[in-house]
Amino acid sequence: MARLKPCHLLDLVCFVPFWLVFGSF
C-alpha cells in the first residue's frame, strides 16, 4: 500500500489539505 501511495511518511501533509477543504464544507 505504501508503494502505491505517493506520500507514505508525508501522508499527513498530503491529506491535511484534502480533509481540511472537505471539513470546511
PDB file of N, CA and C in Angstrom:
ATOM      1  N   MET A   1       0.836  -1.205   0.000  1.00  0.00           N
ATOM      2  CA  MET A   1       0.000   0.000   0.000  1.00  0.00           C
ATOM      3  C   MET A   1       0.876   1.263   0.000  1.00  0.00           C
ATOM      4  N   ALA A   2       1.949   1.209   0.767  1.00  0.00           N
ATOM      5  CA  ALA A   2       2.852   2.367   0.847  1.00  0.00           C
ATOM      6  C   ALA A   2       3.446   2.668  -0.525  1.00  0.00           C
ATOM      7  N   ARG A   3       3.737   1.599  -1.269  1.00  0.00           N
ATOM      8  CA  ARG A   3       4.357   1.799  -2.597  1.00  0.00           C
ATOM      9  C   ARG A   3       3.372   2.499  -3.541  1.00  0.00           C
ATOM     10  N   LEU A   4       2.109   2.114  -3.433  1.00  0.00           N
ATOM     11  CA  LEU A   4       1.101   2.717  -4.316  1.00  0.00           C
ATOM     12  C   LEU A   4       0.876   4.186  -3.947  1.00  0.00           C
ATOM     13  N   LYS A   5       0.975   4.441  -2.660  1.00  0.00           N
ATOM     14  CA  LYS A   5       0.757   5.821  -2.185  1.00  0.00           C
ATOM     15  C   LYS A   5       1.944   6.707  -2.556  1.00  0.00           C
ATOM     16  N   PRO A   6       1.696   7.898  -3.035  1.00  0.00           N
ATOM     17  CA  PRO A   6       2.753   8.835  -3.422  1.00  0.00           C
ATOM     18  C   PRO A   6       3.487   9.384  -2.200  1.00  0.00           C
ATOM     19  N   CYS A   7       2.754   9.555  -1.114  1.00  0.00           N
ATOM     20  CA  CYS A   7       3.382  10.071   0.114  1.00  0.00           C
ATOM     21  C   CYS A   7       3.118   9.088   1.249  1.00  0.00           C
ATOM     22  N   HIS A   8       4.138   8.347   1.637  1.00  0.00           N
ATOM     23  CA  HIS A   8       3.977   7.365   2.713  1.00  0.00           C
ATOM     24  C   HIS A   8       4.177   8.035   4.074  1.00  0.00           C
ATOM     25  N   LEU A   9       5.311   8.710   4.232  1.00  0.00           N
ATOM     26  CA  LEU A   9       5.590   9.371   5.514  1.00  0.00           C
ATOM     27  C   LEU A   9       4.911  10.736   5.582  1.00  0.00           C
ATOM     28  N   LEU A  10       4.719  11.325   4.406  1.00  0.00           N
ATOM     29  CA  LEU A  10       4.079  12.653   4.380  1.00  0.00           C
ATOM     30  C   LEU A  10       2.599  12.523   4.047  1.00  0.00           C
ATOM     31  N   ASP A  11       2.039  11.361   4.384  1.00  0.00           N
ATOM     32  CA  ASP A  11       0.614  11.135   4.072  1.00  0.00           C
ATOM     33  C   ASP A  11      -0.229  12.215   4.748  1.00  0.00           C
ATOM     34  N   LEU A  12       0.247  12.701   5.882  1.00  0.00           N
ATOM     35  CA  LEU A  12      -0.496  13.733   6.617  1.00  0.00           C
ATOM     36  C   LEU A  12      -0.516  15.036   5.831  1.00  0.00           C
ATOM     37  N   VAL A  13       0.652  15.420   5.323  1.00  0.00           N
ATOM     38  CA  VAL A  13       0.758  16.688   4.576  1.00  0.00           C
ATOM     39  C   VAL A  13      -0.062  16.623   3.294  1.00  0.00           C
ATOM     40  N   CYS A  14      -0.208  15.408   2.761  1.00  0.00           N
ATOM     41  CA  CYS A  14      -0.967  15.248   1.501  1.00  0.00           C
ATOM     42  C   CYS A  14      -2.456  15.147   1.796  1.00  0.00           C
ATOM     43  N   PHE A  15      -2.794  14.668   2.989  1.00  0.00           N
ATOM     44  CA  PHE A  15      -4.207  14.511   3.346  1.00  0.00           C
ATOM     45  C   PHE A  15      -4.751  15.738   4.073  1.00  0.00           C
ATOM     46  N   VAL A  16      -3.889  16.383   4.841  1.00  0.00           N
ATOM     47  CA  VAL A  16      -4.312  17.573   5.610  1.00  0.00           C
ATOM     48  C   VAL A  16      -5.117  18.534   4.744  1.00  0.00           C
ATOM     49  N   PRO A  17      -4.572  18.977   3.603  1.00  0.00           N
ATOM     50  CA  PRO A  17      -5.287  19.915   2.725  1.00  0.00           C
ATOM     51  C   PRO A  17      -6.597  19.323   2.198  1.00  0.00           C
ATOM     52  N   PHE A  18      -6.607  18.005   2.002  1.00  0.00           N
ATOM     53  CA  PHE A  18      -7.813  17.348   1.469  1.00  0.00           C
ATOM     54  C   PHE A  18      -8.941  17.360   2.487  1.00  0.00           C
ATOM     55  N   TRP A  19      -8.698  16.792   3.657  1.00  0.00           N
ATOM     56  CA  TRP A  19      -9.757  16.733   4.676  1.00  0.00           C
ATOM     57  C   TRP A  19     -10.074  18.123   5.213  1.00  0.00           C
ATOM     58  N   LEU A  20      -9.117  19.037   5.095  1.00  0.00           N
ATOM     59  CA  LEU A  20      -9.345  20.411   5.570  1.00  0.00           C
ATOM     60  C   LEU A  20     -10.411  21.083   4.708  1.00  0.00           C
ATOM     61  N   VAL A  21     -10.268  20.935   3.401  1.00  0.00           N
ATOM     62  CA  VAL A  21     -11.228  21.544   2.471  1.00  0.00           C
ATOM     63  C   VAL A  21     -12.605  20.909   2.652  1.00  0.00           C
ATOM     64  N   PHE A  22     -12.615  19.584   2.821  1.00  0.00           N
ATOM     65  CA  PHE A  22     -13.892  18.872   2.986  1.00  0.00           C
ATOM     66  C   PHE A  22     -14.545  19.256   4.306  1.00  0.00           C
ATOM     67  N   GLY A  23     -13.721  19.380   5.345  1.00  0.00           N
ATOM     68  CA  GLY A  23     -14.241  19.738   6.666  1.00  0.00           C
ATOM     69  C   GLY A  23     -14.878  21.132   6.632  1.00  0.00           C
ATOM     70  N   SER A  24     -14.276  22.018   5.855  1.00  0.00           N
ATOM     71  CA  SER A  24     -14.802  23.388   5.756  1.00  0.00           C
ATOM     72  C   SER A  24     -16.250  23.343   5.258  1.00  0.00           C
ATOM     73  N   PHE A  25     -16.501  22.432   4.320  1.00  0.00           N
ATOM     74  CA  PHE A  25     -17.846  22.311   3.768  1.00  0.00           C
ATOM     75  C   PHE A  25     -18.735  21.576   4.759  1.00  0.00           C
TER      76      PHE A  25
END
